[in-house]
Amino acid sequence: MHAQGPLVLDLPRWLTDRLRGDVVLPERSDRMRLAIELARENVRQGTGGPFGAVVVDVASGRLLGAGVNRVVPLGFSCAHAEVMALGMAQLSAGTYDLGAPGQPDAELVTSVEPCVMCIGAALWSGVRSVVCGASEANAIAIGFDEGPKPADWAGELGARGIAVVCGVLGDEAAAVLTDYAASGGPIYNAGRP
């Protein structure tokens, strides 16, 4: 086996340009609007799938990280918006553990309920809460495979100290998914026999 180079999980230029400087999102609805805006712009720019996420300091609303889905452009199945946003927040914080002593309480805000992988990413990241827009059913309706999520995934996270709120601006977030499907955007899932 021979690697061809380093694995680089980069964000599109339009996103890094858009979020220069301090960004403060005081209300949960502001945070979700940004996640949805990022998802919509990711599709419009042709830089990935219809998913966006942000990580914020709950108390101040300060943006800690942001991400969009980059699976197809990067050729990497783990480059989901949530993973990208968590990674950017962790890089900024200088730690893999956003719940470490001295770190602010972090909240992951995602335009669509997380898939099975992103539930795990949230669990291991140290965030204190997860806020979701569109439902898993919205993603499945256009053909995405969300994996074998526990039926009570939100309860499972809650039992580990991670509060979950679903349905924040859900219709607006779901519209990004339906618009993406209507435009013929790729619905990517792992091939199975």
N, C-alpha and C. Protein backbone atom coordinates (compact mmCIF):
# COMPACT_ATOMS: atom_id res chain seq x y z
N MET A 1 0.85 -1.17 0.00
CA MET A 1 0.00 0.00 0.00
C MET A 1 0.90 1.24 0.00
N HIS A 2 0.55 2.18 -0.83
CA HIS A 2 1.35 3.40 -0.95
C HIS A 2 0.44 4.62 -0.96
N ALA A 3 0.59 5.46 0.05
CA ALA A 3 -0.19 6.70 0.09
C ALA A 3 0.37 7.68 -0.93
N GLN A 4 -0.51 8.43 -1.57
CA GLN A 4 -0.08 9.37 -2.60
C GLN A 4 0.20 10.76 -2.05
N GLY A 5 -0.08 10.99 -0.83
CA GLY A 5 0.15 12.31 -0.25
C GLY A 5 -0.62 12.47 1.04
N PRO A 6 -0.49 13.61 1.69
CA PRO A 6 -1.19 13.82 2.96
C PRO A 6 -2.69 13.97 2.74
N LEU A 7 -3.43 13.57 3.72
CA LEU A 7 -4.87 13.77 3.72
C LEU A 7 -5.12 15.21 4.16
N VAL A 8 -5.75 15.98 3.31
CA VAL A 8 -6.04 17.38 3.60
C VAL A 8 -7.55 17.58 3.55
N LEU A 9 -8.10 17.99 4.67
CA LEU A 9 -9.53 18.25 4.75
C LEU A 9 -9.74 19.76 4.73
N ASP A 10 -9.83 20.29 3.52
CA ASP A 10 -9.95 21.74 3.40
C ASP A 10 -11.38 22.17 3.16
N LEU A 11 -11.63 23.40 3.54
CA LEU A 11 -12.93 24.02 3.31
C LEU A 11 -12.86 24.87 2.05
N PRO A 12 -13.99 25.06 1.39
CA PRO A 12 -13.98 25.90 0.19
C PRO A 12 -13.58 27.35 0.52
N ARG A 13 -12.96 28.00 -0.43
CA ARG A 13 -12.49 29.38 -0.24
C ARG A 13 -13.63 30.33 0.11
N TRP A 14 -14.79 30.14 -0.53
CA TRP A 14 -15.91 31.04 -0.26
C TRP A 14 -16.30 30.99 1.23
N LEU A 15 -16.16 29.80 1.86
CA LEU A 15 -16.54 29.67 3.27
C LEU A 15 -15.53 30.38 4.16
N THR A 16 -14.26 30.17 3.91
CA THR A 16 -13.25 30.82 4.75
C THR A 16 -13.29 32.34 4.57
N ASP A 17 -13.57 32.80 3.34
CA ASP A 17 -13.72 34.24 3.11
C ASP A 17 -14.95 34.79 3.85
N ARG A 18 -16.04 34.05 3.81
CA ARG A 18 -17.32 34.48 4.42
C ARG A 18 -17.20 34.60 5.93
N LEU A 19 -16.36 33.77 6.56
CA LEU A 19 -16.31 33.73 8.02
C LEU A 19 -15.03 34.31 8.61
N ARG A 20 -14.43 35.24 7.90
CA ARG A 20 -13.23 35.91 8.44
C ARG A 20 -13.62 36.77 9.64
N GLY A 21 -12.72 36.85 10.60
CA GLY A 21 -12.98 37.70 11.77
C GLY A 21 -13.87 37.01 12.77
N ASP A 22 -14.22 37.76 13.81
CA ASP A 22 -15.09 37.22 14.84
C ASP A 22 -16.53 37.19 14.36
N VAL A 23 -17.14 36.03 14.49
CA VAL A 23 -18.55 35.87 14.16
C VAL A 23 -19.26 35.49 15.45
N VAL A 24 -20.29 36.23 15.79
CA VAL A 24 -21.06 35.96 17.00
C VAL A 24 -22.50 35.68 16.61
N LEU A 25 -23.02 34.56 17.08
CA LEU A 25 -24.37 34.11 16.78
C LEU A 25 -25.10 33.91 18.10
N PRO A 26 -25.72 34.98 18.62
CA PRO A 26 -26.25 34.94 19.99
C PRO A 26 -27.42 33.99 20.19
N GLU A 27 -28.25 33.80 19.19
CA GLU A 27 -29.46 32.98 19.34
C GLU A 27 -29.32 31.67 18.58
N ARG A 28 -29.98 30.66 19.09
CA ARG A 28 -29.98 29.34 18.43
C ARG A 28 -30.46 29.45 16.99
N SER A 29 -31.46 30.29 16.74
CA SER A 29 -31.96 30.45 15.37
C SER A 29 -30.91 31.09 14.47
N ASP A 30 -30.09 32.00 15.00
CA ASP A 30 -29.00 32.60 14.22
C ASP A 30 -27.99 31.54 13.82
N ARG A 31 -27.69 30.66 14.75
CA ARG A 31 -26.73 29.59 14.50
C ARG A 31 -27.23 28.65 13.42
N MET A 32 -28.52 28.30 13.52
CA MET A 32 -29.09 27.39 12.51
C MET A 32 -29.19 28.08 11.16
N ARG A 33 -29.54 29.35 11.14
CA ARG A 33 -29.59 30.06 9.85
C ARG A 33 -28.24 30.02 9.15
N LEU A 34 -27.15 30.17 9.91
CA LEU A 34 -25.83 30.11 9.30
C LEU A 34 -25.55 28.69 8.79
N ALA A 35 -25.86 27.67 9.56
CA ALA A 35 -25.65 26.29 9.09
C ALA A 35 -26.41 26.03 7.79
N ILE A 36 -27.65 26.50 7.72
CA ILE A 36 -28.47 26.32 6.52
C ILE A 36 -27.89 27.13 5.36
N GLU A 37 -27.48 28.36 5.64
CA GLU A 37 -26.88 29.21 4.60
C GLU A 37 -25.63 28.54 4.03
N LEU A 38 -24.81 27.96 4.89
CA LEU A 38 -23.60 27.29 4.42
C LEU A 38 -23.95 26.08 3.55
N ALA A 39 -24.96 25.32 3.95
CA ALA A 39 -25.39 24.17 3.14
C ALA A 39 -25.86 24.62 1.76
N ARG A 40 -26.69 25.65 1.75
CA ARG A 40 -27.23 26.16 0.48
C ARG A 40 -26.12 26.70 -0.42
N GLU A 41 -25.19 27.44 0.17
CA GLU A 41 -24.09 28.01 -0.62
C GLU A 41 -23.14 26.93 -1.11
N ASN A 42 -22.95 25.88 -0.33
CA ASN A 42 -22.11 24.76 -0.75
C ASN A 42 -22.65 24.13 -2.04
N VAL A 43 -23.95 23.99 -2.09
CA VAL A 43 -24.59 23.45 -3.30
C VAL A 43 -24.47 24.46 -4.44
N ARG A 44 -24.78 25.70 -4.18
CA ARG A 44 -24.74 26.73 -5.22
C ARG A 44 -23.36 26.87 -5.83
N GLN A 45 -22.34 26.78 -4.99
CA GLN A 45 -20.96 26.92 -5.46
C GLN A 45 -20.42 25.63 -6.09
N GLY A 46 -21.14 24.52 -5.93
CA GLY A 46 -20.67 23.24 -6.46
C GLY A 46 -19.48 22.68 -5.70
N THR A 47 -19.40 22.98 -4.39
CA THR A 47 -18.26 22.56 -3.59
C THR A 47 -18.59 21.41 -2.64
N GLY A 48 -19.76 20.79 -2.79
CA GLY A 48 -20.11 19.65 -1.96
C GLY A 48 -21.61 19.48 -1.81
N GLY A 49 -21.98 18.60 -0.89
CA GLY A 49 -23.37 18.24 -0.68
C GLY A 49 -24.16 19.23 0.15
N PRO A 50 -25.46 18.96 0.34
CA PRO A 50 -26.39 19.91 0.94
C PRO A 50 -26.45 19.89 2.47
N PHE A 51 -25.28 19.97 3.09
CA PHE A 51 -25.21 19.90 4.54
C PHE A 51 -24.24 20.96 5.05
N GLY A 52 -24.62 21.63 6.14
CA GLY A 52 -23.76 22.63 6.77
C GLY A 52 -23.82 22.47 8.27
N ALA A 53 -22.75 22.90 8.95
CA ALA A 53 -22.70 22.79 10.40
C ALA A 53 -21.79 23.88 10.97
N VAL A 54 -22.10 24.27 12.19
CA VAL A 54 -21.24 25.21 12.93
C VAL A 54 -21.09 24.72 14.36
N VAL A 55 -19.99 25.13 14.97
CA VAL A 55 -19.75 24.88 16.39
C VAL A 55 -19.60 26.24 17.04
N VAL A 56 -20.34 26.47 18.11
CA VAL A 56 -20.32 27.76 18.79
C VAL A 56 -20.10 27.59 20.29
N ASP A 57 -19.60 28.65 20.90
CA ASP A 57 -19.52 28.76 22.35
C ASP A 57 -20.94 29.10 22.80
N VAL A 58 -21.54 28.22 23.58
CA VAL A 58 -22.94 28.40 23.98
C VAL A 58 -23.16 29.73 24.68
N ALA A 59 -22.30 30.10 25.60
CA ALA A 59 -22.51 31.31 26.41
C ALA A 59 -22.39 32.59 25.60
N SER A 60 -21.37 32.70 24.78
CA SER A 60 -21.13 33.95 24.05
C SER A 60 -21.70 33.96 22.64
N GLY A 61 -21.96 32.78 22.09
CA GLY A 61 -22.39 32.69 20.70
C GLY A 61 -21.26 32.81 19.70
N ARG A 62 -20.02 32.89 20.19
CA ARG A 62 -18.85 33.03 19.30
C ARG A 62 -18.66 31.76 18.48
N LEU A 63 -18.48 31.95 17.18
CA LEU A 63 -18.24 30.83 16.27
C LEU A 63 -16.87 30.23 16.56
N LEU A 64 -16.85 28.91 16.78
CA LEU A 64 -15.60 28.19 17.05
C LEU A 64 -15.13 27.41 15.83
N GLY A 65 -16.06 27.02 14.96
CA GLY A 65 -15.72 26.26 13.76
C GLY A 65 -16.93 26.15 12.86
N ALA A 66 -16.67 25.93 11.58
CA ALA A 66 -17.75 25.77 10.62
C ALA A 66 -17.33 24.74 9.59
N GLY A 67 -18.32 24.08 8.99
CA GLY A 67 -18.01 23.09 7.97
C GLY A 67 -19.17 22.87 7.04
N VAL A 68 -18.83 22.36 5.88
CA VAL A 68 -19.81 21.94 4.89
C VAL A 68 -19.42 20.55 4.42
N ASN A 69 -20.36 19.86 3.82
CA ASN A 69 -20.09 18.52 3.33
C ASN A 69 -19.12 18.59 2.15
N ARG A 70 -18.05 17.81 2.22
CA ARG A 70 -17.00 17.81 1.19
C ARG A 70 -16.72 16.40 0.69
N VAL A 71 -17.65 15.45 0.89
CA VAL A 71 -17.43 14.05 0.54
C VAL A 71 -17.01 13.88 -0.92
N VAL A 72 -17.79 14.37 -1.85
CA VAL A 72 -17.50 14.15 -3.27
C VAL A 72 -16.24 14.91 -3.71
N PRO A 73 -16.10 16.21 -3.42
CA PRO A 73 -14.91 16.91 -3.89
C PRO A 73 -13.59 16.36 -3.33
N LEU A 74 -13.62 15.89 -2.07
CA LEU A 74 -12.39 15.37 -1.47
C LEU A 74 -12.22 13.87 -1.67
N GLY A 75 -13.28 13.20 -2.14
CA GLY A 75 -13.20 11.75 -2.31
C GLY A 75 -13.00 11.03 -1.00
N PHE A 76 -13.63 11.57 0.06
CA PHE A 76 -13.44 11.04 1.41
C PHE A 76 -14.79 10.94 2.10
N SER A 77 -15.23 9.72 2.38
CA SER A 77 -16.58 9.49 2.91
C SER A 77 -16.83 10.10 4.28
N CYS A 78 -15.79 10.42 5.02
CA CYS A 78 -15.96 10.99 6.36
C CYS A 78 -16.04 12.50 6.38
N ALA A 79 -15.94 13.16 5.22
CA ALA A 79 -15.90 14.62 5.17
C ALA A 79 -17.31 15.22 5.23
N HIS A 80 -18.05 14.81 6.26
CA HIS A 80 -19.39 15.35 6.48
C HIS A 80 -19.27 16.73 7.13
N ALA A 81 -20.31 17.54 6.99
CA ALA A 81 -20.28 18.91 7.52
C ALA A 81 -19.98 18.93 9.02
N GLU A 82 -20.60 18.01 9.77
CA GLU A 82 -20.39 17.98 11.21
C GLU A 82 -18.92 17.68 11.54
N VAL A 83 -18.35 16.69 10.86
CA VAL A 83 -16.95 16.32 11.10
C VAL A 83 -16.03 17.48 10.75
N MET A 84 -16.31 18.16 9.65
CA MET A 84 -15.49 19.30 9.25
C MET A 84 -15.59 20.43 10.27
N ALA A 85 -16.81 20.74 10.72
CA ALA A 85 -16.99 21.82 11.70
C ALA A 85 -16.32 21.48 13.03
N LEU A 86 -16.49 20.25 13.49
CA LEU A 86 -15.85 19.83 14.74
C LEU A 86 -14.34 19.89 14.60
N GLY A 87 -13.81 19.43 13.47
CA GLY A 87 -12.37 19.47 13.25
C GLY A 87 -11.83 20.89 13.25
N MET A 88 -12.54 21.81 12.61
CA MET A 88 -12.09 23.20 12.59
C MET A 88 -12.12 23.80 14.01
N ALA A 89 -13.16 23.47 14.78
CA ALA A 89 -13.23 23.96 16.16
C ALA A 89 -12.10 23.38 17.00
N GLN A 90 -11.81 22.11 16.80
CA GLN A 90 -10.73 21.47 17.56
C GLN A 90 -9.37 22.05 17.17
N LEU A 91 -9.16 22.29 15.89
CA LEU A 91 -7.91 22.92 15.46
C LEU A 91 -7.75 24.30 16.09
N SER A 92 -8.83 25.06 16.08
CA SER A 92 -8.80 26.40 16.65
C SER A 92 -8.53 26.36 18.16
N ALA A 93 -9.13 25.38 18.84
CA ALA A 93 -8.97 25.26 20.29
C ALA A 93 -7.62 24.63 20.67
N GLY A 94 -6.99 23.96 19.71
CA GLY A 94 -5.73 23.30 19.99
C GLY A 94 -5.88 22.02 20.78
N THR A 95 -7.07 21.40 20.70
CA THR A 95 -7.31 20.15 21.42
C THR A 95 -8.39 19.34 20.72
N TYR A 96 -8.28 18.02 20.82
CA TYR A 96 -9.31 17.14 20.29
C TYR A 96 -10.54 17.13 21.17
N ASP A 97 -10.43 17.64 22.41
CA ASP A 97 -11.52 17.56 23.38
C ASP A 97 -12.12 18.93 23.66
N LEU A 98 -13.22 19.22 22.99
CA LEU A 98 -13.88 20.51 23.19
C LEU A 98 -14.53 20.62 24.57
N GLY A 99 -14.58 19.53 25.31
CA GLY A 99 -15.12 19.55 26.66
C GLY A 99 -14.05 19.55 27.74
N ALA A 100 -12.80 19.73 27.34
CA ALA A 100 -11.69 19.73 28.30
C ALA A 100 -11.79 20.92 29.25
N PRO A 101 -11.20 20.80 30.43
CA PRO A 101 -11.19 21.93 31.36
C PRO A 101 -10.63 23.18 30.69
N GLY A 102 -11.29 24.30 30.94
CA GLY A 102 -10.86 25.57 30.35
C GLY A 102 -11.50 25.88 29.00
N GLN A 103 -12.14 24.88 28.40
CA GLN A 103 -12.82 25.11 27.12
C GLN A 103 -14.25 25.60 27.39
N PRO A 104 -14.76 26.48 26.53
CA PRO A 104 -16.16 26.90 26.70
C PRO A 104 -17.09 25.75 26.33
N ASP A 105 -18.30 25.76 26.87
CA ASP A 105 -19.29 24.77 26.47
C ASP A 105 -19.58 24.95 24.99
N ALA A 106 -19.35 23.91 24.21
CA ALA A 106 -19.50 23.99 22.76
C ALA A 106 -20.79 23.31 22.31
N GLU A 107 -21.41 23.92 21.30
CA GLU A 107 -22.65 23.40 20.73
C GLU A 107 -22.45 23.16 19.25
N LEU A 108 -22.80 21.97 18.78
CA LEU A 108 -22.78 21.63 17.37
C LEU A 108 -24.17 21.90 16.80
N VAL A 109 -24.23 22.74 15.78
CA VAL A 109 -25.49 23.06 15.12
C VAL A 109 -25.39 22.56 13.69
N THR A 110 -26.28 21.65 13.31
CA THR A 110 -26.19 21.00 12.02
C THR A 110 -27.51 21.13 11.25
N SER A 111 -27.39 21.37 9.95
CA SER A 111 -28.58 21.64 9.14
C SER A 111 -29.50 20.42 9.02
N VAL A 112 -28.97 19.23 9.27
CA VAL A 112 -29.76 17.99 9.20
C VAL A 112 -29.34 17.12 10.39
N GLU A 113 -30.28 16.36 10.94
CA GLU A 113 -29.93 15.44 12.02
C GLU A 113 -28.71 14.62 11.62
N PRO A 114 -27.81 14.34 12.55
CA PRO A 114 -26.58 13.63 12.20
C PRO A 114 -26.82 12.17 11.82
N CYS A 115 -25.97 11.69 10.91
CA CYS A 115 -25.96 10.27 10.56
C CYS A 115 -25.28 9.50 11.69
N VAL A 116 -25.19 8.20 11.54
CA VAL A 116 -24.58 7.37 12.58
C VAL A 116 -23.12 7.77 12.83
N MET A 117 -22.36 8.08 11.79
CA MET A 117 -20.96 8.48 11.97
C MET A 117 -20.87 9.80 12.73
N CYS A 118 -21.71 10.75 12.37
CA CYS A 118 -21.64 12.08 12.98
C CYS A 118 -22.16 12.08 14.42
N ILE A 119 -23.02 11.14 14.76
CA ILE A 119 -23.40 10.97 16.17
C ILE A 119 -22.16 10.59 16.96
N GLY A 120 -21.39 9.66 16.42
CA GLY A 120 -20.14 9.28 17.09
C GLY A 120 -19.16 10.43 17.17
N ALA A 121 -19.05 11.20 16.09
CA ALA A 121 -18.14 12.35 16.09
C ALA A 121 -18.54 13.35 17.16
N ALA A 122 -19.84 13.61 17.29
CA ALA A 122 -20.32 14.54 18.33
C ALA A 122 -19.99 13.99 19.71
N LEU A 123 -20.23 12.71 19.92
CA LEU A 123 -19.98 12.07 21.21
C LEU A 123 -18.51 12.22 21.61
N TRP A 124 -17.59 11.95 20.69
CA TRP A 124 -16.17 11.96 21.03
C TRP A 124 -15.56 13.36 21.01
N SER A 125 -16.27 14.34 20.47
CA SER A 125 -15.70 15.69 20.32
C SER A 125 -15.66 16.49 21.61
N GLY A 126 -16.56 16.20 22.54
CA GLY A 126 -16.63 16.98 23.77
C GLY A 126 -17.68 18.08 23.75
N VAL A 127 -18.51 18.16 22.68
CA VAL A 127 -19.57 19.18 22.67
C VAL A 127 -20.57 18.87 23.77
N ARG A 128 -21.26 19.91 24.22
CA ARG A 128 -22.24 19.78 25.30
C ARG A 128 -23.67 19.70 24.77
N SER A 129 -23.86 20.10 23.50
CA SER A 129 -25.20 20.05 22.92
C SER A 129 -25.11 19.93 21.41
N VAL A 130 -26.20 19.38 20.84
CA VAL A 130 -26.34 19.23 19.40
C VAL A 130 -27.71 19.78 19.03
N VAL A 131 -27.73 20.66 18.03
CA VAL A 131 -28.97 21.27 17.55
C VAL A 131 -29.12 20.91 16.08
N CYS A 132 -30.30 20.42 15.70
CA CYS A 132 -30.54 19.91 14.35
C CYS A 132 -31.67 20.66 13.66
N GLY A 133 -31.56 20.78 12.35
CA GLY A 133 -32.58 21.41 11.53
C GLY A 133 -33.51 20.37 10.93
N ALA A 134 -33.23 19.97 9.68
CA ALA A 134 -34.05 18.97 8.98
C ALA A 134 -33.91 17.62 9.67
N SER A 135 -34.90 16.78 9.46
CA SER A 135 -34.91 15.47 10.11
C SER A 135 -34.17 14.42 9.27
N GLU A 136 -33.86 13.33 9.93
CA GLU A 136 -33.29 12.16 9.25
C GLU A 136 -34.22 11.73 8.10
N ALA A 137 -35.51 11.77 8.35
CA ALA A 137 -36.49 11.38 7.33
C ALA A 137 -36.37 12.24 6.08
N ASN A 138 -36.06 13.52 6.24
CA ASN A 138 -35.86 14.40 5.08
C ASN A 138 -34.67 13.95 4.25
N ALA A 139 -33.58 13.57 4.90
CA ALA A 139 -32.38 13.10 4.18
C ALA A 139 -32.65 11.77 3.49
N ILE A 140 -33.32 10.87 4.19
CA ILE A 140 -33.64 9.56 3.61
C ILE A 140 -34.58 9.72 2.42
N ALA A 141 -35.51 10.66 2.51
CA ALA A 141 -36.50 10.86 1.44
C ALA A 141 -35.85 11.20 0.10
N ILE A 142 -34.67 11.82 0.12
CA ILE A 142 -34.01 12.12 -1.16
C ILE A 142 -32.93 11.09 -1.51
N GLY A 143 -32.77 10.05 -0.65
CA GLY A 143 -31.89 8.95 -1.00
C GLY A 143 -30.63 8.77 -0.19
N PHE A 144 -30.35 9.65 0.78
CA PHE A 144 -29.15 9.47 1.60
C PHE A 144 -29.36 8.36 2.62
N ASP A 145 -28.31 7.59 2.89
CA ASP A 145 -28.32 6.52 3.87
C ASP A 145 -27.74 7.07 5.16
N GLU A 146 -28.53 7.11 6.21
CA GLU A 146 -28.09 7.67 7.49
C GLU A 146 -27.47 6.64 8.41
N GLY A 147 -27.45 5.37 7.98
CA GLY A 147 -26.81 4.32 8.77
C GLY A 147 -27.71 3.79 9.87
N PRO A 148 -27.21 2.78 10.58
CA PRO A 148 -28.01 2.12 11.63
C PRO A 148 -27.97 2.91 12.95
N LYS A 149 -28.63 4.05 12.95
CA LYS A 149 -28.68 4.88 14.15
C LYS A 149 -29.54 4.21 15.21
N PRO A 150 -29.17 4.35 16.47
CA PRO A 150 -30.06 3.86 17.53
C PRO A 150 -31.41 4.59 17.43
N ALA A 151 -32.48 3.90 17.73
CA ALA A 151 -33.81 4.52 17.65
C ALA A 151 -33.88 5.76 18.53
N ASP A 152 -33.25 5.71 19.70
CA ASP A 152 -33.27 6.85 20.61
C ASP A 152 -31.87 7.46 20.69
N TRP A 153 -31.32 7.83 19.54
CA TRP A 153 -29.96 8.39 19.51
C TRP A 153 -29.85 9.66 20.35
N ALA A 154 -30.89 10.48 20.32
CA ALA A 154 -30.86 11.72 21.11
C ALA A 154 -30.84 11.39 22.61
N GLY A 155 -31.59 10.39 23.01
CA GLY A 155 -31.58 9.95 24.40
C GLY A 155 -30.24 9.38 24.81
N GLU A 156 -29.61 8.66 23.88
CA GLU A 156 -28.27 8.10 24.15
C GLU A 156 -27.26 9.22 24.38
N LEU A 157 -27.30 10.26 23.53
CA LEU A 157 -26.40 11.39 23.75
C LEU A 157 -26.73 12.10 25.05
N GLY A 158 -28.03 12.27 25.32
CA GLY A 158 -28.45 12.91 26.56
C GLY A 158 -27.94 12.18 27.78
N ALA A 159 -27.94 10.84 27.74
CA ALA A 159 -27.45 10.05 28.86
C ALA A 159 -25.96 10.26 29.09
N ARG A 160 -25.27 10.78 28.07
CA ARG A 160 -23.83 11.06 28.19
C ARG A 160 -23.56 12.55 28.35
N GLY A 161 -24.61 13.31 28.69
CA GLY A 161 -24.43 14.72 29.00
C GLY A 161 -24.46 15.66 27.81
N ILE A 162 -24.96 15.18 26.68
CA ILE A 162 -25.04 16.01 25.48
C ILE A 162 -26.53 16.25 25.17
N ALA A 163 -26.99 17.47 25.40
CA ALA A 163 -28.39 17.81 25.14
C ALA A 163 -28.62 17.87 23.63
N VAL A 164 -29.80 17.42 23.20
CA VAL A 164 -30.15 17.43 21.77
C VAL A 164 -31.47 18.16 21.59
N VAL A 165 -31.48 19.06 20.60
CA VAL A 165 -32.70 19.77 20.21
C VAL A 165 -32.87 19.57 18.71
N CYS A 166 -34.01 19.10 18.28
CA CYS A 166 -34.26 18.84 16.86
C CYS A 166 -35.37 19.74 16.33
N GLY A 167 -35.36 19.94 15.02
CA GLY A 167 -36.44 20.65 14.35
C GLY A 167 -36.31 22.16 14.34
N VAL A 168 -35.13 22.70 14.64
CA VAL A 168 -34.94 24.15 14.61
C VAL A 168 -34.85 24.60 13.15
N LEU A 169 -35.79 25.42 12.72
CA LEU A 169 -35.90 25.87 11.33
C LEU A 169 -35.91 24.67 10.38
N GLY A 170 -36.59 23.62 10.80
CA GLY A 170 -36.60 22.36 10.06
C GLY A 170 -37.09 22.46 8.63
N ASP A 171 -38.14 23.23 8.38
CA ASP A 171 -38.67 23.35 7.01
C ASP A 171 -37.67 24.05 6.10
N GLU A 172 -37.02 25.09 6.62
CA GLU A 172 -36.03 25.81 5.83
C GLU A 172 -34.83 24.91 5.51
N ALA A 173 -34.42 24.13 6.49
CA ALA A 173 -33.30 23.21 6.28
C ALA A 173 -33.68 22.10 5.31
N ALA A 174 -34.89 21.57 5.42
CA ALA A 174 -35.35 20.51 4.52
C ALA A 174 -35.43 21.00 3.08
N ALA A 175 -35.74 22.28 2.89
CA ALA A 175 -35.83 22.84 1.54
C ALA A 175 -34.49 22.75 0.81
N VAL A 176 -33.38 22.89 1.53
CA VAL A 176 -32.06 22.76 0.90
C VAL A 176 -31.91 21.35 0.33
N LEU A 177 -32.36 20.36 1.07
CA LEU A 177 -32.26 18.97 0.60
C LEU A 177 -33.11 18.73 -0.64
N THR A 178 -34.37 19.19 -0.60
CA THR A 178 -35.25 18.95 -1.75
C THR A 178 -34.78 19.72 -2.97
N ASP A 179 -34.28 20.93 -2.78
CA ASP A 179 -33.74 21.70 -3.91
C ASP A 179 -32.53 21.00 -4.51
N TYR A 180 -31.68 20.45 -3.65
CA TYR A 180 -30.50 19.72 -4.11
C TYR A 180 -30.90 18.51 -4.95
N ALA A 181 -31.84 17.73 -4.45
CA ALA A 181 -32.30 16.55 -5.19
C ALA A 181 -32.93 16.95 -6.52
N ALA A 182 -33.73 18.01 -6.51
CA ALA A 182 -34.40 18.47 -7.73
C ALA A 182 -33.39 18.95 -8.77
N SER A 183 -32.24 19.46 -8.31
CA SER A 183 -31.23 19.96 -9.25
C SER A 183 -30.35 18.85 -9.81
N GLY A 184 -30.55 17.63 -9.31
CA GLY A 184 -29.77 16.50 -9.81
C GLY A 184 -28.43 16.31 -9.11
N GLY A 185 -28.27 16.92 -7.93
CA GLY A 185 -27.02 16.74 -7.18
C GLY A 185 -26.80 15.28 -6.84
N PRO A 186 -25.54 14.85 -6.78
CA PRO A 186 -25.28 13.42 -6.52
C PRO A 186 -25.72 13.00 -5.13
N ILE A 187 -26.43 11.87 -5.08
CA ILE A 187 -26.80 11.25 -3.82
C ILE A 187 -25.80 10.11 -3.64
N TYR A 188 -24.86 10.29 -2.74
CA TYR A 188 -23.76 9.36 -2.59
C TYR A 188 -23.95 8.51 -1.35
N ASN A 189 -23.84 7.23 -1.54
CA ASN A 189 -23.88 6.24 -0.46
C ASN A 189 -22.83 5.19 -0.81
N ALA A 190 -22.39 4.45 0.16
CA ALA A 190 -21.43 3.39 -0.10
C ALA A 190 -22.08 2.30 -0.94
N GLY A 191 -21.33 1.77 -1.91
CA GLY A 191 -21.84 0.65 -2.71
C GLY A 191 -21.95 -0.59 -1.83
N ARG A 192 -22.99 -1.33 -2.05
CA ARG A 192 -23.20 -2.56 -1.29
C ARG A 192 -23.61 -3.66 -2.25
N PRO A 193 -23.18 -4.90 -1.95
CA PRO A 193 -23.58 -6.01 -2.81
C PRO A 193 -25.06 -6.30 -2.72
